[in-house]
Amino acid sequence: MKFKLPFPINNNTISLSFVAIITIVFFIAGLFDVLDFIIIKVLLIGLTGALGLIVSIILFKKGLIKNRPEENPKDDSN
């Protein structure tokens, strides 16, 4: 049985989930007052950079979807 997500996986959901994960991690780290330790700062910044790299690779790997057909272009200016 294949699990179906209730939302489509596209560039917007990948970016939003990336931002949500980073925000939640920084909020929890600040809540427990562990942001003062240098190792926590290094881990959070390193993990943020790694997640940013992974997400950017995923987003740039996908090709851009063109909404118009190439063979019959139309001009919308008039």
PDB file of N, CA and C in Angstrom:
ATOM      1  N   MET A   1       0.838  -1.169   0.000  1.00  0.00           N
ATOM      2  CA  MET A   1       0.000   0.000   0.000  1.00  0.00           C
ATOM      3  C   MET A   1       0.890   1.242   0.000  1.00  0.00           C
ATOM      4  N   LYS A   2       0.638   2.099  -0.954  1.00  0.00           N
ATOM      5  CA  LYS A   2       1.445   3.305  -1.079  1.00  0.00           C
ATOM      6  C   LYS A   2       0.816   4.430  -0.261  1.00  0.00           C
ATOM      7  N   PHE A   3       1.667   5.123   0.495  1.00  0.00           N
ATOM      8  CA  PHE A   3       1.208   6.225   1.329  1.00  0.00           C
ATOM      9  C   PHE A   3       1.082   7.477   0.482  1.00  0.00           C
ATOM     10  N   LYS A   4      -0.067   8.135   0.525  1.00  0.00           N
ATOM     11  CA  LYS A   4      -0.299   9.350  -0.248  1.00  0.00           C
ATOM     12  C   LYS A   4      -0.340  10.556   0.689  1.00  0.00           C
ATOM     13  N   LEU A   5       0.470  11.550   0.384  1.00  0.00           N
ATOM     14  CA  LEU A   5       0.512  12.763   1.188  1.00  0.00           C
ATOM     15  C   LEU A   5      -0.703  13.639   0.894  1.00  0.00           C
ATOM     16  N   PRO A   6      -1.194  14.370   1.883  1.00  0.00           N
ATOM     17  CA  PRO A   6      -2.369  15.221   1.647  1.00  0.00           C
ATOM     18  C   PRO A   6      -2.045  16.515   0.907  1.00  0.00           C
ATOM     19  N   PHE A   7      -0.788  16.724   0.534  1.00  0.00           N
ATOM     20  CA  PHE A   7      -0.384  17.928  -0.184  1.00  0.00           C
ATOM     21  C   PHE A   7       0.600  17.531  -1.270  1.00  0.00           C
ATOM     22  N   PRO A   8       0.643  18.290  -2.355  1.00  0.00           N
ATOM     23  CA  PRO A   8       1.578  17.949  -3.434  1.00  0.00           C
ATOM     24  C   PRO A   8       3.009  18.317  -3.048  1.00  0.00           C
ATOM     25  N   ILE A   9       3.945  17.534  -3.515  1.00  0.00           N
ATOM     26  CA  ILE A   9       5.351  17.838  -3.267  1.00  0.00           C
ATOM     27  C   ILE A   9       5.862  18.597  -4.483  1.00  0.00           C
ATOM     28  N   ASN A  10       6.085  19.877  -4.295  1.00  0.00           N
ATOM     29  CA  ASN A  10       6.645  20.719  -5.343  1.00  0.00           C
ATOM     30  C   ASN A  10       7.648  21.671  -4.702  1.00  0.00           C
ATOM     31  N   ASN A  11       8.121  22.623  -5.468  1.00  0.00           N
ATOM     32  CA  ASN A  11       9.151  23.538  -4.959  1.00  0.00           C
ATOM     33  C   ASN A  11       8.654  24.337  -3.767  1.00  0.00           C
ATOM     34  N   ASN A  12       7.389  24.732  -3.767  1.00  0.00           N
ATOM     35  CA  ASN A  12       6.859  25.534  -2.669  1.00  0.00           C
ATOM     36  C   ASN A  12       6.811  24.751  -1.364  1.00  0.00           C
ATOM     37  N   THR A  13       6.336  23.511  -1.398  1.00  0.00           N
ATOM     38  CA  THR A  13       6.235  22.734  -0.157  1.00  0.00           C
ATOM     39  C   THR A  13       7.614  22.348   0.373  1.00  0.00           C
ATOM     40  N   ILE A  14       8.555  22.101  -0.523  1.00  0.00           N
ATOM     41  CA  ILE A  14       9.919  21.779  -0.077  1.00  0.00           C
ATOM     42  C   ILE A  14      10.535  22.989   0.617  1.00  0.00           C
ATOM     43  N   SER A  15      10.378  24.165   0.033  1.00  0.00           N
ATOM     44  CA  SER A  15      10.938  25.375   0.634  1.00  0.00           C
ATOM     45  C   SER A  15      10.249  25.722   1.950  1.00  0.00           C
ATOM     46  N   LEU A  16       8.934  25.600   1.994  1.00  0.00           N
ATOM     47  CA  LEU A  16       8.202  25.901   3.226  1.00  0.00           C
ATOM     48  C   LEU A  16       8.561  24.937   4.356  1.00  0.00           C
ATOM     49  N   SER A  17       8.721  23.664   4.038  1.00  0.00           N
ATOM     50  CA  SER A  17       9.080  22.708   5.078  1.00  0.00           C
ATOM     51  C   SER A  17      10.511  22.959   5.561  1.00  0.00           C
ATOM     52  N   PHE A  18      11.414  23.378   4.668  1.00  0.00           N
ATOM     53  CA  PHE A  18      12.775  23.733   5.061  1.00  0.00           C
ATOM     54  C   PHE A  18      12.767  24.894   6.046  1.00  0.00           C
ATOM     55  N   VAL A  19      12.015  25.927   5.742  1.00  0.00           N
ATOM     56  CA  VAL A  19      11.935  27.093   6.624  1.00  0.00           C
ATOM     57  C   VAL A  19      11.287  26.721   7.957  1.00  0.00           C
ATOM     58  N   ALA A  20      10.264  25.879   7.915  1.00  0.00           N
ATOM     59  CA  ALA A  20       9.585  25.470   9.148  1.00  0.00           C
ATOM     60  C   ALA A  20      10.515  24.659  10.049  1.00  0.00           C
ATOM     61  N   ILE A  21      11.283  23.761   9.473  1.00  0.00           N
ATOM     62  CA  ILE A  21      12.207  22.937  10.262  1.00  0.00           C
ATOM     63  C   ILE A  21      13.263  23.810  10.937  1.00  0.00           C
ATOM     64  N   ILE A  22      13.859  24.731  10.183  1.00  0.00           N
ATOM     65  CA  ILE A  22      14.888  25.600  10.743  1.00  0.00           C
ATOM     66  C   ILE A  22      14.309  26.492  11.835  1.00  0.00           C
ATOM     67  N   THR A  23      13.113  27.032  11.607  1.00  0.00           N
ATOM     68  CA  THR A  23      12.479  27.902  12.598  1.00  0.00           C
ATOM     69  C   THR A  23      12.174  27.143  13.879  1.00  0.00           C
ATOM     70  N   ILE A  24      11.642  25.950  13.769  1.00  0.00           N
ATOM     71  CA  ILE A  24      11.300  25.151  14.950  1.00  0.00           C
ATOM     72  C   ILE A  24      12.556  24.764  15.727  1.00  0.00           C
ATOM     73  N   VAL A  25      13.618  24.396  15.018  1.00  0.00           N
ATOM     74  CA  VAL A  25      14.853  23.998  15.698  1.00  0.00           C
ATOM     75  C   VAL A  25      15.463  25.178  16.452  1.00  0.00           C
ATOM     76  N   PHE A  26      15.513  26.347  15.814  1.00  0.00           N
ATOM     77  CA  PHE A  26      16.054  27.515  16.503  1.00  0.00           C
ATOM     78  C   PHE A  26      15.169  27.938  17.667  1.00  0.00           C
ATOM     79  N   PHE A  27      13.858  27.830  17.519  1.00  0.00           N
ATOM     80  CA  PHE A  27      12.952  28.187  18.606  1.00  0.00           C
ATOM     81  C   PHE A  27      13.133  27.260  19.806  1.00  0.00           C
ATOM     82  N   ILE A  28      13.219  25.965  19.562  1.00  0.00           N
ATOM     83  CA  ILE A  28      13.395  25.007  20.651  1.00  0.00           C
ATOM     84  C   ILE A  28      14.756  25.196  21.327  1.00  0.00           C
ATOM     85  N   ALA A  29      15.795  25.451  20.521  1.00  0.00           N
ATOM     86  CA  ALA A  29      17.118  25.681  21.101  1.00  0.00           C
ATOM     87  C   ALA A  29      17.128  26.951  21.948  1.00  0.00           C
ATOM     88  N   GLY A  30      16.437  27.974  21.526  1.00  0.00           N
ATOM     89  CA  GLY A  30      16.349  29.196  22.320  1.00  0.00           C
ATOM     90  C   GLY A  30      15.488  29.020  23.550  1.00  0.00           C
ATOM     91  N   LEU A  31      14.479  28.185  23.445  1.00  0.00           N
ATOM     92  CA  LEU A  31      13.585  27.929  24.572  1.00  0.00           C
ATOM     93  C   LEU A  31      14.321  27.236  25.714  1.00  0.00           C
ATOM     94  N   PHE A  32      15.216  26.333  25.388  1.00  0.00           N
ATOM     95  CA  PHE A  32      15.964  25.608  26.409  1.00  0.00           C
ATOM     96  C   PHE A  32      17.287  26.282  26.765  1.00  0.00           C
ATOM     97  N   ASP A  33      17.512  27.490  26.283  1.00  0.00           N
ATOM     98  CA  ASP A  33      18.718  28.274  26.586  1.00  0.00           C
ATOM     99  C   ASP A  33      20.015  27.541  26.263  1.00  0.00           C
ATOM    100  N   VAL A  34      20.035  26.852  25.137  1.00  0.00           N
ATOM    101  CA  VAL A  34      21.270  26.177  24.737  1.00  0.00           C
ATOM    102  C   VAL A  34      21.950  26.899  23.581  1.00  0.00           C
ATOM    103  N   LEU A  35      21.416  28.053  23.163  1.00  0.00           N
ATOM    104  CA  LEU A  35      22.048  28.799  22.079  1.00  0.00           C
ATOM    105  C   LEU A  35      23.323  29.492  22.528  1.00  0.00           C
ATOM    106  N   ASP A  36      23.566  29.550  23.826  1.00  0.00           N
ATOM    107  CA  ASP A  36      24.774  30.194  24.327  1.00  0.00           C
ATOM    108  C   ASP A  36      26.023  29.326  24.159  1.00  0.00           C
ATOM    109  N   PHE A  37      25.850  28.034  23.990  1.00  0.00           N
ATOM    110  CA  PHE A  37      26.987  27.128  23.842  1.00  0.00           C
ATOM    111  C   PHE A  37      27.487  27.171  22.403  1.00  0.00           C
ATOM    112  N   ILE A  38      28.804  27.230  22.249  1.00  0.00           N
ATOM    113  CA  ILE A  38      29.401  27.357  20.917  1.00  0.00           C
ATOM    114  C   ILE A  38      29.152  26.112  20.070  1.00  0.00           C
ATOM    115  N   ILE A  39      29.137  24.939  20.700  1.00  0.00           N
ATOM    116  CA  ILE A  39      28.924  23.717  19.922  1.00  0.00           C
ATOM    117  C   ILE A  39      27.508  23.664  19.352  1.00  0.00           C
ATOM    118  N   ILE A  40      26.543  24.181  20.085  1.00  0.00           N
ATOM    119  CA  ILE A  40      25.166  24.218  19.595  1.00  0.00           C
ATOM    120  C   ILE A  40      25.056  25.200  18.434  1.00  0.00           C
ATOM    121  N   LYS A  41      25.736  26.339  18.537  1.00  0.00           N
ATOM    122  CA  LYS A  41      25.721  27.306  17.441  1.00  0.00           C
ATOM    123  C   LYS A  41      26.335  26.701  16.180  1.00  0.00           C
ATOM    124  N   VAL A  42      27.455  26.020  16.351  1.00  0.00           N
ATOM    125  CA  VAL A  42      28.121  25.395  15.204  1.00  0.00           C
ATOM    126  C   VAL A  42      27.235  24.318  14.595  1.00  0.00           C
ATOM    127  N   LEU A  43      26.609  23.489  15.436  1.00  0.00           N
ATOM    128  CA  LEU A  43      25.723  22.444  14.921  1.00  0.00           C
ATOM    129  C   LEU A  43      24.517  23.028  14.195  1.00  0.00           C
ATOM    130  N   LEU A  44      23.888  24.034  14.776  1.00  0.00           N
ATOM    131  CA  LEU A  44      22.703  24.617  14.137  1.00  0.00           C
ATOM    132  C   LEU A  44      23.040  25.307  12.828  1.00  0.00           C
ATOM    133  N   ILE A  45      24.127  26.059  12.810  1.00  0.00           N
ATOM    134  CA  ILE A  45      24.511  26.735  11.570  1.00  0.00           C
ATOM    135  C   ILE A  45      24.967  25.724  10.524  1.00  0.00           C
ATOM    136  N   GLY A  46      25.687  24.698  10.953  1.00  0.00           N
ATOM    137  CA  GLY A  46      26.111  23.648  10.017  1.00  0.00           C
ATOM    138  C   GLY A  46      24.946  22.867   9.452  1.00  0.00           C
ATOM    139  N   LEU A  47      24.000  22.511  10.320  1.00  0.00           N
ATOM    140  CA  LEU A  47      22.825  21.785   9.840  1.00  0.00           C
ATOM    141  C   LEU A  47      21.953  22.656   8.939  1.00  0.00           C
ATOM    142  N   THR A  48      21.871  23.940   9.252  1.00  0.00           N
ATOM    143  CA  THR A  48      21.128  24.853   8.389  1.00  0.00           C
ATOM    144  C   THR A  48      21.777  24.943   7.016  1.00  0.00           C
ATOM    145  N   GLY A  49      23.088  25.045   7.000  1.00  0.00           N
ATOM    146  CA  GLY A  49      23.799  25.080   5.721  1.00  0.00           C
ATOM    147  C   GLY A  49      23.649  23.787   4.936  1.00  0.00           C
ATOM    148  N   ALA A  50      23.717  22.651   5.630  1.00  0.00           N
ATOM    149  CA  ALA A  50      23.566  21.362   4.962  1.00  0.00           C
ATOM    150  C   ALA A  50      22.156  21.197   4.401  1.00  0.00           C
ATOM    151  N   LEU A  51      21.149  21.558   5.205  1.00  0.00           N
ATOM    152  CA  LEU A  51      19.772  21.477   4.705  1.00  0.00           C
ATOM    153  C   LEU A  51      19.548  22.433   3.541  1.00  0.00           C
ATOM    154  N   GLY A  52      20.142  23.616   3.622  1.00  0.00           N
ATOM    155  CA  GLY A  52      20.021  24.576   2.519  1.00  0.00           C
ATOM    156  C   GLY A  52      20.653  24.039   1.247  1.00  0.00           C
ATOM    157  N   LEU A  53      21.798  23.390   1.377  1.00  0.00           N
ATOM    158  CA  LEU A  53      22.458  22.797   0.221  1.00  0.00           C
ATOM    159  C   LEU A  53      21.623  21.668  -0.374  1.00  0.00           C
ATOM    160  N   ILE A  54      21.085  20.812   0.471  1.00  0.00           N
ATOM    161  CA  ILE A  54      20.267  19.698  -0.003  1.00  0.00           C
ATOM    162  C   ILE A  54      19.011  20.207  -0.703  1.00  0.00           C
ATOM    163  N   VAL A  55      18.341  21.182  -0.088  1.00  0.00           N
ATOM    164  CA  VAL A  55      17.118  21.721  -0.691  1.00  0.00           C
ATOM    165  C   VAL A  55      17.423  22.434  -2.004  1.00  0.00           C
ATOM    166  N   SER A  56      18.519  23.188  -2.057  1.00  0.00           N
ATOM    167  CA  SER A  56      18.840  23.873  -3.303  1.00  0.00           C
ATOM    168  C   SER A  56      19.198  22.883  -4.408  1.00  0.00           C
ATOM    169  N   ILE A  57      19.855  21.781  -4.075  1.00  0.00           N
ATOM    170  CA  ILE A  57      20.140  20.749  -5.075  1.00  0.00           C
ATOM    171  C   ILE A  57      18.844  20.140  -5.579  1.00  0.00           C
ATOM    172  N   ILE A  58      17.910  19.857  -4.675  1.00  0.00           N
ATOM    173  CA  ILE A  58      16.627  19.281  -5.087  1.00  0.00           C
ATOM    174  C   ILE A  58      15.863  20.254  -5.966  1.00  0.00           C
ATOM    175  N   LEU A  59      15.836  21.531  -5.575  1.00  0.00           N
ATOM    176  CA  LEU A  59      15.062  22.507  -6.331  1.00  0.00           C
ATOM    177  C   LEU A  59      15.687  22.808  -7.686  1.00  0.00           C
ATOM    178  N   PHE A  60      17.005  22.858  -7.774  1.00  0.00           N
ATOM    179  CA  PHE A  60      17.643  23.160  -9.053  1.00  0.00           C
ATOM    180  C   PHE A  60      17.747  21.936  -9.956  1.00  0.00           C
ATOM    181  N   LYS A  61      17.599  20.748  -9.390  1.00  0.00           N
ATOM    182  CA  LYS A  61      17.649  19.539 -10.205  1.00  0.00           C
ATOM    183  C   LYS A  61      16.403  19.419 -11.075  1.00  0.00           C
ATOM    184  N   LYS A  62      15.275  19.837 -10.532  1.00  0.00           N
ATOM    185  CA  LYS A  62      14.038  19.776 -11.294  1.00  0.00           C
ATOM    186  C   LYS A  62      14.073  20.828 -12.403  1.00  0.00           C
ATOM    187  N   GLY A  63      13.539  20.452 -13.555  1.00  0.00           N
ATOM    188  CA  GLY A  63      13.476  21.405 -14.655  1.00  0.00           C
ATOM    189  C   GLY A  63      12.296  22.347 -14.487  1.00  0.00           C
ATOM    190  N   LEU A  64      12.405  23.491 -15.105  1.00  0.00           N
ATOM    191  CA  LEU A  64      11.302  24.430 -15.063  1.00  0.00           C
ATOM    192  C   LEU A  64      10.181  23.954 -15.977  1.00  0.00           C
ATOM    193  N   ILE A  65       8.964  24.047 -15.497  1.00  0.00           N
ATOM    194  CA  ILE A  65       7.810  23.621 -16.277  1.00  0.00           C
ATOM    195  C   ILE A  65       7.266  24.840 -17.020  1.00  0.00           C
ATOM    196  N   LYS A  66       7.200  24.726 -18.329  1.00  0.00           N
ATOM    197  CA  LYS A  66       6.661  25.821 -19.120  1.00  0.00           C
ATOM    198  C   LYS A  66       5.170  25.588 -19.307  1.00  0.00           C
ATOM    199  N   ASN A  67       4.398  26.637 -19.127  1.00  0.00           N
ATOM    200  CA  ASN A  67       2.955  26.517 -19.235  1.00  0.00           C
ATOM    201  C   ASN A  67       2.446  26.689 -20.658  1.00  0.00           C
ATOM    202  N   ARG A  68       3.274  27.164 -21.543  1.00  0.00           N
ATOM    203  CA  ARG A  68       2.848  27.391 -22.917  1.00  0.00           C
ATOM    204  C   ARG A  68       3.495  26.373 -23.844  1.00  0.00           C
ATOM    205  N   PRO A  69       2.751  25.952 -24.843  1.00  0.00           N
ATOM    206  CA  PRO A  69       3.363  25.064 -25.840  1.00  0.00           C
ATOM    207  C   PRO A  69       4.359  25.833 -26.709  1.00  0.00           C
ATOM    208  N   GLU A  70       5.406  25.172 -27.120  1.00  0.00           N
ATOM    209  CA  GLU A  70       6.455  25.808 -27.906  1.00  0.00           C
ATOM    210  C   GLU A  70       6.052  26.016 -29.360  1.00  0.00           C
ATOM    211  N   GLU A  71       5.217  25.123 -29.905  1.00  0.00           N
ATOM    212  CA  GLU A  71       4.960  25.167 -31.335  1.00  0.00           C
ATOM    213  C   GLU A  71       3.992  26.273 -31.757  1.00  0.00           C
ATOM    214  N   ASN A  72       3.149  26.766 -30.843  1.00  0.00           N
ATOM    215  CA  ASN A  72       2.175  27.800 -31.212  1.00  0.00           C
ATOM    216  C   ASN A  72       2.174  28.920 -30.177  1.00  0.00           C
ATOM    217  N   PRO A  73       3.221  29.747 -30.153  1.00  0.00           N
ATOM    218  CA  PRO A  73       3.235  30.824 -29.158  1.00  0.00           C
ATOM    219  C   PRO A  73       2.210  31.909 -29.497  1.00  0.00           C
ATOM    220  N   LYS A  74       1.610  32.460 -28.491  1.00  0.00           N
ATOM    221  CA  LYS A  74       0.618  33.527 -28.681  1.00  0.00           C
ATOM    222  C   LYS A  74       1.072  34.752 -27.909  1.00  0.00           C
ATOM    223  N   ASP A  75       0.649  35.894 -28.412  1.00  0.00           N
ATOM    224  CA  ASP A  75       0.988  37.157 -27.779  1.00  0.00           C
ATOM    225  C   ASP A  75      -0.204  37.651 -26.985  1.00  0.00           C
ATOM    226  N   ASP A  76      -0.019  37.919 -25.700  1.00  0.00           N
ATOM    227  CA  ASP A  76      -1.119  38.368 -24.854  1.00  0.00           C
ATOM    228  C   ASP A  76      -1.180  39.882 -24.730  1.00  0.00           C
ATOM    229  N   SER A  77      -0.357  40.604 -25.478  1.00  0.00           N
ATOM    230  CA  SER A  77      -0.292  42.051 -25.295  1.00  0.00           C
ATOM    231  C   SER A  77      -1.484  42.787 -25.883  1.00  0.00           C
ATOM    232  N   ASN A  78      -2.212  42.195 -26.814  1.00  0.00           N
ATOM    233  CA  ASN A  78      -3.365  42.897 -27.389  1.00  0.00           C
ATOM    234  C   ASN A  78      -4.668  42.250 -27.056  1.00  0.00           C
TER     235      ASN A  78
END
